């Protein structure tokens, strides 16, 4: 989650996009016929559909102020109680390694390009400070405008704007709303748990 202090459009020099914080715009409800879980909660496919449709809303995307020094974000109305954000990424900005506290979600690039590195392995959530990752667990994706991905509740990744000249903009949605985020540092194949952030720290 980005570092935040007040509602509205925020900017942070060291924020991360697996999560984010408040402004208030509604890009519209989920489209009819989108699959959701039996409980009525939005599933990964529905969150991805929402993010794709929201990323295609050029007026909404253009309404996000961009800051050359740090990421900016605006909260948007997600489907069925989900948490959703529009995020601006200056050149070279990234999140660092993090997870989403057990929430599943989706994100879509609305402008520019984002690079995601993720782990294709489920990590234990408690009882460790340092792990040595096996070879072959890294996955990489380049997501150009209009492309995105959904992920499950144990997803660990980092996201970066690889451009040295151009901002990127993306849409993110999570369900349930993020209960916490774990932040990690990584040196080679060694992953270290550095911090656990809770909503009161970014809202």
N, C-alpha and C. Protein backbone atom coordinates (compact mmCIF):
# COMPACT_ATOMS: atom_id res chain seq x y z
N UNK A 1 0.85 -1.17 0.00
CA UNK A 1 0.00 0.00 0.00
C UNK A 1 0.89 1.23 0.00
N UNK A 2 0.52 2.27 -0.68
CA UNK A 2 1.33 3.47 -0.67
C UNK A 2 1.31 4.14 0.69
N UNK A 3 2.28 4.99 0.93
CA UNK A 3 2.27 5.79 2.13
C UNK A 3 1.27 6.90 1.90
N UNK A 4 0.35 7.12 2.85
CA UNK A 4 -0.68 8.13 2.64
C UNK A 4 -0.94 8.88 3.92
N UNK A 5 -1.57 10.05 3.80
CA UNK A 5 -1.91 10.80 4.99
C UNK A 5 -3.25 11.49 4.91
N UNK A 6 -3.80 11.66 3.72
CA UNK A 6 -5.07 12.37 3.59
C UNK A 6 -5.85 11.82 2.43
N UNK A 7 -7.19 11.92 2.48
CA UNK A 7 -7.99 11.40 1.38
C UNK A 7 -7.80 12.20 0.11
N UNK A 8 -8.16 11.60 -1.01
CA UNK A 8 -8.05 12.27 -2.29
C UNK A 8 -6.91 11.70 -3.10
N UNK A 9 -6.43 12.43 -4.04
CA UNK A 9 -5.31 11.98 -4.85
C UNK A 9 -4.07 12.05 -3.97
N UNK A 10 -3.27 11.00 -3.97
CA UNK A 10 -2.09 10.95 -3.12
C UNK A 10 -0.85 10.78 -3.95
N UNK A 11 0.23 11.18 -3.39
CA UNK A 11 1.51 10.94 -4.04
C UNK A 11 2.49 10.41 -3.02
N UNK A 12 3.30 9.44 -3.43
CA UNK A 12 4.27 8.85 -2.52
C UNK A 12 5.53 8.53 -3.28
N UNK A 13 6.69 8.91 -2.77
CA UNK A 13 7.93 8.62 -3.48
C UNK A 13 8.33 7.17 -3.41
N UNK A 14 7.74 6.38 -2.49
CA UNK A 14 8.20 5.00 -2.35
C UNK A 14 7.06 4.04 -2.16
N UNK A 15 5.93 4.31 -2.77
CA UNK A 15 4.77 3.46 -2.57
C UNK A 15 4.84 2.18 -3.36
N UNK A 16 3.86 1.28 -3.12
CA UNK A 16 3.81 0.04 -3.88
C UNK A 16 2.44 -0.20 -4.44
N UNK A 17 2.28 -0.84 -5.56
CA UNK A 17 0.97 -1.02 -6.16
C UNK A 17 0.30 -2.33 -5.94
N UNK A 18 0.68 -3.13 -5.15
CA UNK A 18 -0.16 -4.27 -4.86
C UNK A 18 -1.27 -3.78 -4.03
N UNK A 19 -1.25 -2.56 -3.69
CA UNK A 19 -2.26 -1.99 -2.87
C UNK A 19 -2.23 -0.51 -3.02
N UNK A 20 -3.21 0.23 -2.41
CA UNK A 20 -3.30 1.67 -2.57
C UNK A 20 -4.34 2.34 -1.71
N UNK A 21 -4.57 3.76 -1.74
CA UNK A 21 -5.49 4.53 -0.87
C UNK A 21 -6.38 5.71 -1.40
N UNK A 22 -7.36 6.60 -0.74
CA UNK A 22 -8.65 7.21 -1.11
C UNK A 22 -8.81 8.53 -1.91
N UNK A 23 -9.74 8.65 -2.76
CA UNK A 23 -10.23 9.78 -3.54
C UNK A 23 -11.68 9.45 -3.79
N UNK A 24 -12.37 9.41 -4.80
CA UNK A 24 -13.67 8.79 -4.91
C UNK A 24 -14.28 9.11 -6.24
N UNK A 25 -14.30 8.13 -7.07
CA UNK A 25 -14.82 8.23 -8.42
C UNK A 25 -15.46 6.90 -8.69
N UNK A 26 -16.53 6.87 -9.41
CA UNK A 26 -17.15 5.59 -9.74
C UNK A 26 -17.11 5.35 -11.23
N UNK A 27 -16.37 4.34 -11.67
CA UNK A 27 -16.34 4.03 -13.08
C UNK A 27 -17.51 3.19 -13.51
N UNK A 28 -18.39 2.83 -12.58
CA UNK A 28 -19.56 2.05 -12.96
C UNK A 28 -19.56 0.69 -12.32
N UNK A 29 -20.71 0.08 -12.32
CA UNK A 29 -20.86 -1.24 -11.70
C UNK A 29 -20.35 -2.32 -12.61
N UNK A 30 -20.20 -3.52 -12.04
CA UNK A 30 -19.75 -4.65 -12.84
C UNK A 30 -20.77 -4.98 -13.91
N UNK A 31 -20.30 -5.48 -15.04
CA UNK A 31 -21.21 -5.78 -16.13
C UNK A 31 -22.07 -6.99 -15.79
N UNK A 32 -23.31 -7.05 -16.25
CA UNK A 32 -24.17 -8.18 -15.98
C UNK A 32 -23.56 -9.46 -16.52
N UNK A 33 -23.80 -10.54 -15.81
CA UNK A 33 -23.35 -11.84 -16.30
C UNK A 33 -21.92 -12.15 -15.96
N UNK A 34 -21.23 -11.24 -15.24
CA UNK A 34 -19.86 -11.52 -14.84
C UNK A 34 -19.87 -12.51 -13.70
N UNK A 35 -19.08 -13.57 -13.79
CA UNK A 35 -19.09 -14.60 -12.76
C UNK A 35 -18.57 -14.07 -11.44
N UNK A 36 -19.22 -14.46 -10.36
CA UNK A 36 -18.74 -14.15 -9.02
C UNK A 36 -18.94 -15.38 -8.16
N UNK A 37 -18.42 -15.35 -6.95
CA UNK A 37 -18.51 -16.52 -6.09
C UNK A 37 -19.94 -16.75 -5.63
N UNK A 38 -20.19 -17.93 -5.05
CA UNK A 38 -21.53 -18.28 -4.60
C UNK A 38 -22.03 -17.30 -3.54
N UNK A 39 -21.14 -16.69 -2.79
CA UNK A 39 -21.53 -15.75 -1.74
C UNK A 39 -21.89 -14.38 -2.30
N UNK A 40 -21.72 -14.18 -3.60
CA UNK A 40 -21.96 -12.88 -4.20
C UNK A 40 -20.73 -12.00 -4.20
N UNK A 41 -19.65 -12.45 -3.57
CA UNK A 41 -18.40 -11.69 -3.57
C UNK A 41 -17.75 -11.79 -4.93
N UNK A 42 -17.06 -10.74 -5.38
CA UNK A 42 -16.43 -10.80 -6.70
C UNK A 42 -15.26 -11.77 -6.73
N UNK A 43 -15.21 -12.60 -7.75
CA UNK A 43 -14.09 -13.51 -7.95
C UNK A 43 -12.99 -12.84 -8.76
N UNK A 44 -11.92 -13.58 -9.01
CA UNK A 44 -10.79 -13.03 -9.74
C UNK A 44 -11.18 -12.59 -11.15
N UNK A 45 -12.03 -13.39 -11.82
CA UNK A 45 -12.44 -13.04 -13.18
C UNK A 45 -13.24 -11.75 -13.20
N UNK A 46 -14.09 -11.56 -12.20
CA UNK A 46 -14.89 -10.34 -12.15
C UNK A 46 -14.03 -9.12 -11.84
N UNK A 47 -13.06 -9.29 -10.96
CA UNK A 47 -12.15 -8.18 -10.67
C UNK A 47 -11.33 -7.80 -11.89
N UNK A 48 -10.91 -8.80 -12.66
CA UNK A 48 -10.15 -8.52 -13.88
C UNK A 48 -11.03 -7.83 -14.91
N UNK A 49 -12.27 -8.27 -15.05
CA UNK A 49 -13.20 -7.63 -15.98
C UNK A 49 -13.42 -6.17 -15.60
N UNK A 50 -13.62 -5.92 -14.31
CA UNK A 50 -13.78 -4.55 -13.82
C UNK A 50 -12.54 -3.70 -14.15
N UNK A 51 -11.35 -4.25 -13.88
CA UNK A 51 -10.12 -3.50 -14.13
C UNK A 51 -9.94 -3.20 -15.62
N UNK A 52 -10.29 -4.16 -16.47
CA UNK A 52 -10.18 -3.95 -17.92
C UNK A 52 -11.13 -2.85 -18.38
N UNK A 53 -12.36 -2.88 -17.90
CA UNK A 53 -13.34 -1.86 -18.31
C UNK A 53 -12.95 -0.48 -17.78
N UNK A 54 -12.46 -0.45 -16.54
CA UNK A 54 -12.07 0.83 -15.96
C UNK A 54 -10.85 1.40 -16.68
N UNK A 55 -9.90 0.54 -17.02
CA UNK A 55 -8.71 1.00 -17.74
C UNK A 55 -9.06 1.56 -19.12
N UNK A 56 -10.18 1.13 -19.68
CA UNK A 56 -10.61 1.61 -20.99
C UNK A 56 -11.36 2.95 -20.91
N UNK A 57 -11.65 3.43 -19.69
CA UNK A 57 -12.34 4.70 -19.50
C UNK A 57 -11.30 5.83 -19.60
N UNK A 58 -11.14 6.35 -20.81
CA UNK A 58 -10.06 7.32 -21.06
C UNK A 58 -10.23 8.60 -20.24
N UNK A 59 -11.47 9.04 -20.03
CA UNK A 59 -11.68 10.26 -19.25
C UNK A 59 -11.25 10.05 -17.80
N UNK A 60 -11.60 8.90 -17.23
CA UNK A 60 -11.20 8.61 -15.86
C UNK A 60 -9.68 8.52 -15.74
N UNK A 61 -9.06 7.80 -16.66
CA UNK A 61 -7.61 7.65 -16.62
C UNK A 61 -6.93 9.02 -16.74
N UNK A 62 -7.45 9.87 -17.61
CA UNK A 62 -6.86 11.19 -17.81
C UNK A 62 -7.07 12.11 -16.62
N UNK A 63 -8.03 11.78 -15.74
CA UNK A 63 -8.31 12.63 -14.58
C UNK A 63 -7.30 12.46 -13.46
N UNK A 64 -6.45 11.44 -13.54
CA UNK A 64 -5.47 11.21 -12.48
C UNK A 64 -4.26 12.12 -12.67
N UNK A 65 -4.00 13.02 -11.73
CA UNK A 65 -2.79 13.85 -11.85
C UNK A 65 -1.55 12.97 -11.74
N UNK A 66 -0.55 13.28 -12.52
CA UNK A 66 0.70 12.52 -12.52
C UNK A 66 1.81 13.37 -11.92
N UNK A 67 2.63 12.75 -11.09
CA UNK A 67 3.70 13.45 -10.38
C UNK A 67 5.03 12.87 -10.83
N UNK A 68 5.99 13.69 -11.25
CA UNK A 68 7.28 13.16 -11.70
C UNK A 68 8.11 12.59 -10.56
N UNK A 69 7.75 12.88 -9.31
CA UNK A 69 8.56 12.46 -8.17
C UNK A 69 8.05 11.20 -7.48
N UNK A 70 6.79 10.85 -7.65
CA UNK A 70 6.26 9.70 -6.92
C UNK A 70 4.95 9.22 -7.51
N UNK A 71 4.51 8.07 -7.04
CA UNK A 71 3.26 7.54 -7.52
C UNK A 71 2.08 8.36 -7.00
N UNK A 72 1.02 8.40 -7.77
CA UNK A 72 -0.22 9.04 -7.35
C UNK A 72 -1.33 7.99 -7.42
N UNK A 73 -2.40 8.20 -6.67
CA UNK A 73 -3.49 7.23 -6.72
C UNK A 73 -4.81 7.88 -6.39
N UNK A 74 -5.85 7.24 -6.86
CA UNK A 74 -7.22 7.70 -6.68
C UNK A 74 -8.08 6.48 -6.44
N UNK A 75 -8.84 6.50 -5.37
CA UNK A 75 -9.73 5.37 -5.10
C UNK A 75 -10.93 5.44 -6.04
N UNK A 76 -11.31 4.28 -6.56
CA UNK A 76 -12.49 4.19 -7.42
C UNK A 76 -13.43 3.14 -6.83
N UNK A 77 -14.66 3.17 -7.25
CA UNK A 77 -15.67 2.25 -6.71
C UNK A 77 -15.55 0.89 -7.39
N UNK A 78 -15.12 -0.10 -6.63
CA UNK A 78 -14.99 -1.45 -7.16
C UNK A 78 -16.30 -2.22 -7.04
N UNK A 79 -16.40 -3.37 -7.70
CA UNK A 79 -17.63 -4.15 -7.65
C UNK A 79 -17.83 -4.87 -6.32
N UNK A 80 -19.04 -4.84 -5.82
CA UNK A 80 -19.48 -5.67 -4.69
C UNK A 80 -18.56 -5.63 -3.48
N UNK A 81 -18.23 -4.43 -3.05
CA UNK A 81 -17.46 -4.29 -1.82
C UNK A 81 -15.97 -4.48 -1.97
N UNK A 82 -15.48 -4.56 -3.19
CA UNK A 82 -14.04 -4.70 -3.39
C UNK A 82 -13.36 -3.34 -3.22
N UNK A 83 -12.06 -3.37 -3.07
CA UNK A 83 -11.23 -2.17 -2.96
C UNK A 83 -10.55 -1.95 -4.31
N UNK A 84 -10.62 -0.74 -4.85
CA UNK A 84 -10.06 -0.50 -6.18
C UNK A 84 -9.38 0.86 -6.24
N UNK A 85 -8.31 0.91 -7.07
CA UNK A 85 -7.49 2.11 -7.18
C UNK A 85 -7.04 2.33 -8.61
N UNK A 86 -6.93 3.59 -8.98
CA UNK A 86 -6.26 4.03 -10.20
C UNK A 86 -4.90 4.57 -9.74
N UNK A 87 -3.81 4.08 -10.34
CA UNK A 87 -2.47 4.44 -9.87
C UNK A 87 -1.62 4.99 -11.02
N UNK A 88 -0.92 6.07 -10.74
CA UNK A 88 0.03 6.64 -11.70
C UNK A 88 1.45 6.34 -11.27
N UNK A 89 2.27 5.92 -12.22
CA UNK A 89 3.65 5.51 -11.96
C UNK A 89 4.61 6.39 -12.74
N UNK A 90 5.44 7.18 -12.06
CA UNK A 90 6.46 7.93 -12.81
C UNK A 90 7.52 6.98 -13.35
N UNK A 91 8.34 7.45 -14.27
CA UNK A 91 9.39 6.58 -14.83
C UNK A 91 10.24 5.94 -13.73
N UNK A 92 10.42 4.64 -13.84
CA UNK A 92 11.27 3.91 -12.91
C UNK A 92 10.65 3.55 -11.57
N UNK A 93 9.41 3.97 -11.30
CA UNK A 93 8.79 3.69 -10.01
C UNK A 93 8.45 2.22 -9.86
N UNK A 94 8.52 1.71 -8.63
CA UNK A 94 8.20 0.32 -8.37
C UNK A 94 7.67 0.13 -6.97
N UNK A 95 7.17 -1.06 -6.70
CA UNK A 95 6.54 -1.34 -5.41
C UNK A 95 7.43 -2.02 -4.41
N UNK A 96 8.47 -2.70 -4.86
CA UNK A 96 9.15 -3.63 -3.98
C UNK A 96 8.30 -4.90 -3.85
N UNK A 97 8.91 -5.95 -3.30
CA UNK A 97 8.20 -7.22 -3.14
C UNK A 97 7.17 -7.10 -2.02
N UNK A 98 5.96 -7.63 -2.28
CA UNK A 98 4.89 -7.57 -1.29
C UNK A 98 3.84 -8.62 -1.60
N UNK A 99 2.95 -8.87 -0.64
CA UNK A 99 1.75 -9.66 -0.90
C UNK A 99 0.53 -8.81 -0.54
N UNK A 100 -0.64 -9.42 -0.54
CA UNK A 100 -1.88 -8.66 -0.36
C UNK A 100 -2.69 -9.17 0.83
N UNK A 101 -2.01 -9.76 1.79
CA UNK A 101 -2.65 -10.13 3.04
C UNK A 101 -3.76 -11.15 2.95
N UNK A 102 -3.76 -11.96 1.90
CA UNK A 102 -4.79 -12.98 1.73
C UNK A 102 -5.93 -12.57 0.80
N UNK A 103 -5.91 -11.35 0.30
CA UNK A 103 -6.93 -10.93 -0.68
C UNK A 103 -6.53 -11.41 -2.07
N UNK A 104 -7.53 -11.70 -2.91
CA UNK A 104 -7.23 -11.95 -4.32
C UNK A 104 -7.52 -10.66 -5.09
N UNK A 105 -7.06 -10.60 -6.33
CA UNK A 105 -7.23 -9.35 -7.04
C UNK A 105 -6.87 -9.42 -8.51
N UNK A 106 -6.75 -8.24 -9.10
CA UNK A 106 -6.40 -8.11 -10.51
C UNK A 106 -5.85 -6.72 -10.74
N UNK A 107 -5.02 -6.58 -11.76
CA UNK A 107 -4.61 -5.24 -12.18
C UNK A 107 -4.42 -5.23 -13.69
N UNK A 108 -4.63 -4.04 -14.26
CA UNK A 108 -4.56 -3.84 -15.70
C UNK A 108 -3.81 -2.54 -15.98
N UNK A 109 -2.92 -2.56 -16.96
CA UNK A 109 -2.23 -1.35 -17.38
C UNK A 109 -3.16 -0.54 -18.27
N UNK A 110 -3.37 0.72 -17.89
CA UNK A 110 -4.24 1.61 -18.67
C UNK A 110 -3.45 2.50 -19.61
N UNK A 111 -2.19 2.72 -19.32
CA UNK A 111 -1.33 3.54 -20.17
C UNK A 111 0.12 3.24 -19.88
N UNK A 112 0.98 3.32 -20.88
CA UNK A 112 2.37 2.97 -20.68
C UNK A 112 2.55 1.46 -20.59
N UNK A 113 3.50 1.04 -19.77
CA UNK A 113 3.81 -0.38 -19.64
C UNK A 113 4.26 -0.67 -18.21
N UNK A 114 3.87 -1.82 -17.69
CA UNK A 114 4.34 -2.26 -16.38
C UNK A 114 5.02 -3.62 -16.52
N UNK A 115 5.98 -3.85 -15.66
CA UNK A 115 6.71 -5.11 -15.61
C UNK A 115 6.42 -5.74 -14.25
N UNK A 116 6.01 -7.00 -14.26
CA UNK A 116 5.74 -7.72 -13.01
C UNK A 116 6.69 -8.89 -12.88
N UNK A 117 7.30 -9.01 -11.70
CA UNK A 117 8.03 -10.22 -11.35
C UNK A 117 7.29 -10.84 -10.17
N UNK A 118 6.97 -12.13 -10.26
CA UNK A 118 6.20 -12.79 -9.22
C UNK A 118 6.81 -14.14 -8.89
N UNK A 119 6.32 -14.74 -7.82
CA UNK A 119 6.79 -16.04 -7.38
C UNK A 119 5.72 -17.08 -7.64
N UNK A 120 6.09 -18.16 -8.33
CA UNK A 120 5.16 -19.24 -8.64
C UNK A 120 5.22 -20.29 -7.54
N UNK A 121 5.06 -19.83 -6.31
CA UNK A 121 5.11 -20.74 -5.16
C UNK A 121 4.34 -20.08 -4.03
N UNK A 122 3.68 -20.88 -3.23
CA UNK A 122 2.94 -20.35 -2.09
C UNK A 122 3.87 -20.29 -0.88
N UNK A 123 4.00 -19.09 -0.30
CA UNK A 123 4.86 -18.91 0.86
C UNK A 123 4.06 -19.10 2.14
N UNK A 124 4.70 -19.60 3.21
CA UNK A 124 4.03 -19.60 4.51
C UNK A 124 3.80 -18.16 4.95
N UNK A 125 2.66 -17.89 5.58
CA UNK A 125 2.35 -16.51 5.97
C UNK A 125 2.83 -16.17 7.37
N UNK A 126 3.17 -17.16 8.17
CA UNK A 126 3.59 -16.91 9.54
C UNK A 126 4.82 -17.76 9.87
N UNK A 127 5.55 -17.35 10.90
CA UNK A 127 6.59 -18.18 11.47
C UNK A 127 7.95 -18.14 10.79
N UNK A 128 8.21 -17.10 9.98
CA UNK A 128 9.52 -17.02 9.35
C UNK A 128 9.91 -15.56 9.14
N UNK A 129 11.21 -15.33 9.05
CA UNK A 129 11.73 -14.01 8.71
C UNK A 129 12.54 -14.04 7.42
N UNK A 130 13.18 -15.19 7.12
CA UNK A 130 14.02 -15.31 5.94
C UNK A 130 13.78 -16.66 5.28
N UNK A 131 13.61 -16.65 3.95
CA UNK A 131 13.43 -17.87 3.17
C UNK A 131 14.42 -17.88 2.01
N UNK A 132 14.92 -19.06 1.69
CA UNK A 132 15.73 -19.21 0.48
C UNK A 132 14.86 -19.82 -0.60
N UNK A 133 14.68 -19.11 -1.69
CA UNK A 133 13.81 -19.56 -2.77
C UNK A 133 14.53 -20.58 -3.65
N UNK A 134 13.80 -21.57 -4.10
CA UNK A 134 14.36 -22.56 -5.03
C UNK A 134 14.52 -21.93 -6.41
N UNK A 135 15.37 -22.51 -7.23
CA UNK A 135 15.50 -22.07 -8.61
C UNK A 135 14.19 -22.34 -9.35
N UNK A 136 13.90 -21.50 -10.32
CA UNK A 136 12.75 -21.75 -11.18
C UNK A 136 11.42 -21.24 -10.67
N UNK A 137 11.40 -20.49 -9.57
CA UNK A 137 10.12 -20.01 -9.04
C UNK A 137 9.74 -18.63 -9.57
N UNK A 138 10.65 -17.96 -10.27
CA UNK A 138 10.36 -16.61 -10.75
C UNK A 138 9.56 -16.62 -12.04
N UNK A 139 8.61 -15.72 -12.12
CA UNK A 139 7.82 -15.51 -13.32
C UNK A 139 7.86 -14.03 -13.67
N UNK A 140 7.89 -13.72 -14.96
CA UNK A 140 7.97 -12.33 -15.40
C UNK A 140 6.88 -12.06 -16.43
N UNK A 141 6.33 -10.84 -16.38
CA UNK A 141 5.33 -10.42 -17.36
C UNK A 141 5.56 -8.96 -17.70
N UNK A 142 5.39 -8.63 -18.97
CA UNK A 142 5.33 -7.23 -19.38
C UNK A 142 3.90 -6.96 -19.81
N UNK A 143 3.29 -5.98 -19.18
CA UNK A 143 1.88 -5.68 -19.42
C UNK A 143 1.76 -4.30 -20.06
N UNK A 144 1.49 -4.30 -21.35
CA UNK A 144 1.29 -3.06 -22.08
C UNK A 144 -0.16 -2.61 -21.89
N UNK A 145 -0.49 -1.42 -22.38
CA UNK A 145 -1.82 -0.85 -22.19
C UNK A 145 -2.91 -1.81 -22.67
N UNK A 146 -3.90 -2.03 -21.82
CA UNK A 146 -5.00 -2.92 -22.14
C UNK A 146 -4.78 -4.36 -21.70
N UNK A 147 -3.60 -4.66 -21.16
CA UNK A 147 -3.30 -6.01 -20.70
C UNK A 147 -3.21 -6.04 -19.18
N UNK A 148 -3.66 -7.16 -18.60
CA UNK A 148 -3.62 -7.27 -17.15
C UNK A 148 -3.60 -8.72 -16.71
N UNK A 149 -3.78 -8.93 -15.43
CA UNK A 149 -3.79 -10.28 -14.90
C UNK A 149 -4.56 -10.32 -13.58
N UNK A 150 -5.11 -11.48 -13.30
CA UNK A 150 -5.74 -11.73 -12.01
C UNK A 150 -4.81 -12.60 -11.19
N UNK A 151 -4.99 -12.60 -9.88
CA UNK A 151 -4.13 -13.42 -9.02
C UNK A 151 -4.90 -13.86 -7.79
N UNK A 152 -4.42 -14.94 -7.19
CA UNK A 152 -5.05 -15.52 -6.02
C UNK A 152 -4.58 -14.90 -4.72
N UNK A 153 -5.08 -15.44 -3.59
CA UNK A 153 -4.83 -14.81 -2.29
C UNK A 153 -3.42 -14.97 -1.74
N UNK A 154 -2.56 -15.75 -2.39
CA UNK A 154 -1.20 -15.95 -1.88
C UNK A 154 -0.14 -15.39 -2.84
N UNK A 155 -0.54 -14.43 -3.66
CA UNK A 155 0.34 -13.88 -4.68
C UNK A 155 1.40 -12.97 -4.07
N UNK A 156 2.66 -13.20 -4.40
CA UNK A 156 3.78 -12.35 -3.98
C UNK A 156 4.45 -11.81 -5.24
N UNK A 157 4.59 -10.49 -5.33
CA UNK A 157 5.17 -9.92 -6.56
C UNK A 157 5.76 -8.54 -6.29
N UNK A 158 6.42 -8.02 -7.33
CA UNK A 158 6.76 -6.61 -7.38
C UNK A 158 6.40 -6.11 -8.77
N UNK A 159 6.03 -4.84 -8.84
CA UNK A 159 5.61 -4.24 -10.11
C UNK A 159 6.41 -2.96 -10.32
N UNK A 160 6.87 -2.75 -11.55
CA UNK A 160 7.75 -1.64 -11.88
C UNK A 160 7.31 -1.01 -13.20
N UNK A 161 7.43 0.31 -13.28
CA UNK A 161 7.35 0.99 -14.57
C UNK A 161 8.77 1.00 -15.14
N UNK A 162 9.06 0.20 -16.18
CA UNK A 162 10.44 0.09 -16.66
C UNK A 162 10.90 1.27 -17.51
N UNK A 163 9.97 2.14 -17.90
CA UNK A 163 10.34 3.25 -18.77
C UNK A 163 11.18 4.28 -18.01
N UNK A 164 12.15 4.85 -18.69
CA UNK A 164 12.94 5.94 -18.12
C UNK A 164 12.39 7.30 -18.51
N UNK A 165 11.32 7.31 -19.32
CA UNK A 165 10.81 8.58 -19.84
C UNK A 165 9.30 8.77 -19.66
N UNK A 166 8.55 7.69 -19.56
CA UNK A 166 7.09 7.80 -19.66
C UNK A 166 6.40 7.29 -18.40
N UNK A 167 5.36 8.00 -17.98
CA UNK A 167 4.50 7.51 -16.91
C UNK A 167 3.72 6.28 -17.37
N UNK A 168 3.33 5.47 -16.42
CA UNK A 168 2.35 4.41 -16.66
C UNK A 168 1.16 4.67 -15.73
N UNK A 169 0.01 4.15 -16.11
CA UNK A 169 -1.20 4.24 -15.28
C UNK A 169 -1.82 2.85 -15.25
N UNK A 170 -2.35 2.47 -14.09
CA UNK A 170 -2.95 1.15 -13.97
C UNK A 170 -4.17 1.18 -13.06
N UNK A 171 -4.98 0.13 -13.16
CA UNK A 171 -6.16 -0.06 -12.32
C UNK A 171 -5.97 -1.33 -11.52
N UNK A 172 -6.24 -1.28 -10.20
CA UNK A 172 -6.07 -2.42 -9.31
C UNK A 172 -7.36 -2.65 -8.54
N UNK A 173 -7.73 -3.90 -8.31
CA UNK A 173 -8.91 -4.23 -7.51
C UNK A 173 -8.61 -5.44 -6.64
N UNK A 174 -9.12 -5.41 -5.40
CA UNK A 174 -8.85 -6.47 -4.42
C UNK A 174 -10.13 -6.84 -3.68
N UNK A 175 -10.26 -8.12 -3.39
CA UNK A 175 -11.35 -8.57 -2.52
C UNK A 175 -10.85 -9.75 -1.69
N UNK A 176 -11.15 -9.74 -0.39
CA UNK A 176 -11.76 -8.62 0.34
C UNK A 176 -10.81 -7.43 0.38
N UNK A 177 -11.33 -6.24 0.79
CA UNK A 177 -10.43 -5.09 0.93
C UNK A 177 -9.21 -5.48 1.75
N UNK A 178 -8.07 -4.97 1.37
CA UNK A 178 -6.80 -5.43 1.94
C UNK A 178 -6.77 -5.35 3.46
N UNK A 179 -6.61 -6.49 4.15
CA UNK A 179 -6.53 -6.47 5.61
C UNK A 179 -5.13 -6.09 6.10
N UNK A 180 -4.15 -6.36 5.25
CA UNK A 180 -2.75 -6.03 5.56
C UNK A 180 -1.93 -6.28 4.31
N UNK A 181 -0.69 -5.82 4.34
CA UNK A 181 0.29 -6.14 3.29
C UNK A 181 1.60 -6.50 3.97
N UNK A 182 2.22 -7.55 3.48
CA UNK A 182 3.55 -7.90 3.95
C UNK A 182 4.56 -7.41 2.91
N UNK A 183 5.61 -6.74 3.38
CA UNK A 183 6.65 -6.25 2.49
C UNK A 183 7.93 -7.03 2.72
N UNK A 184 8.60 -7.32 1.60
CA UNK A 184 9.78 -8.16 1.63
C UNK A 184 10.95 -7.45 0.96
N UNK A 185 12.16 -7.81 1.38
CA UNK A 185 13.35 -7.45 0.62
C UNK A 185 13.88 -8.73 0.00
N UNK A 186 14.63 -8.58 -1.09
CA UNK A 186 15.16 -9.76 -1.75
C UNK A 186 16.59 -9.52 -2.19
N UNK A 187 17.44 -10.47 -1.89
CA UNK A 187 18.82 -10.48 -2.36
C UNK A 187 19.07 -11.83 -2.99
N UNK A 188 19.21 -11.86 -4.32
CA UNK A 188 19.34 -13.14 -5.00
C UNK A 188 18.13 -14.01 -4.75
N UNK A 189 18.33 -15.20 -4.20
CA UNK A 189 17.22 -16.11 -3.92
C UNK A 189 16.75 -16.03 -2.47
N UNK A 190 17.26 -15.06 -1.72
CA UNK A 190 16.88 -14.93 -0.32
C UNK A 190 15.83 -13.83 -0.17
N UNK A 191 14.68 -14.22 0.38
CA UNK A 191 13.57 -13.31 0.61
C UNK A 191 13.44 -13.09 2.12
N UNK A 192 13.33 -11.83 2.52
CA UNK A 192 13.24 -11.51 3.94
C UNK A 192 11.99 -10.69 4.21
N UNK A 193 11.22 -11.09 5.21
CA UNK A 193 10.06 -10.32 5.64
C UNK A 193 10.54 -9.09 6.39
N UNK A 194 10.18 -7.90 5.89
CA UNK A 194 10.67 -6.66 6.49
C UNK A 194 9.62 -5.94 7.31
N UNK A 195 8.35 -6.02 6.88
CA UNK A 195 7.33 -5.20 7.53
C UNK A 195 5.95 -5.74 7.22
N UNK A 196 5.05 -5.60 8.19
CA UNK A 196 3.63 -5.89 7.97
C UNK A 196 2.88 -4.57 8.14
N UNK A 197 2.20 -4.13 7.07
CA UNK A 197 1.45 -2.88 7.11
C UNK A 197 -0.03 -3.18 7.22
N UNK A 198 -0.74 -2.38 8.01
CA UNK A 198 -2.18 -2.54 8.18
C UNK A 198 -2.90 -1.29 7.66
N UNK A 199 -4.21 -1.41 7.38
CA UNK A 199 -4.92 -0.31 6.70
C UNK A 199 -4.76 1.05 7.36
N UNK A 200 -4.71 1.09 8.70
CA UNK A 200 -4.60 2.41 9.35
C UNK A 200 -3.29 3.11 9.01
N UNK A 201 -2.33 2.36 8.50
CA UNK A 201 -1.05 2.98 8.13
C UNK A 201 -1.09 3.63 6.75
N UNK A 202 -2.08 3.28 5.92
CA UNK A 202 -2.12 3.88 4.59
C UNK A 202 -3.41 4.64 4.33
N UNK A 203 -4.42 4.51 5.18
CA UNK A 203 -5.67 5.24 4.97
C UNK A 203 -5.59 6.65 5.55
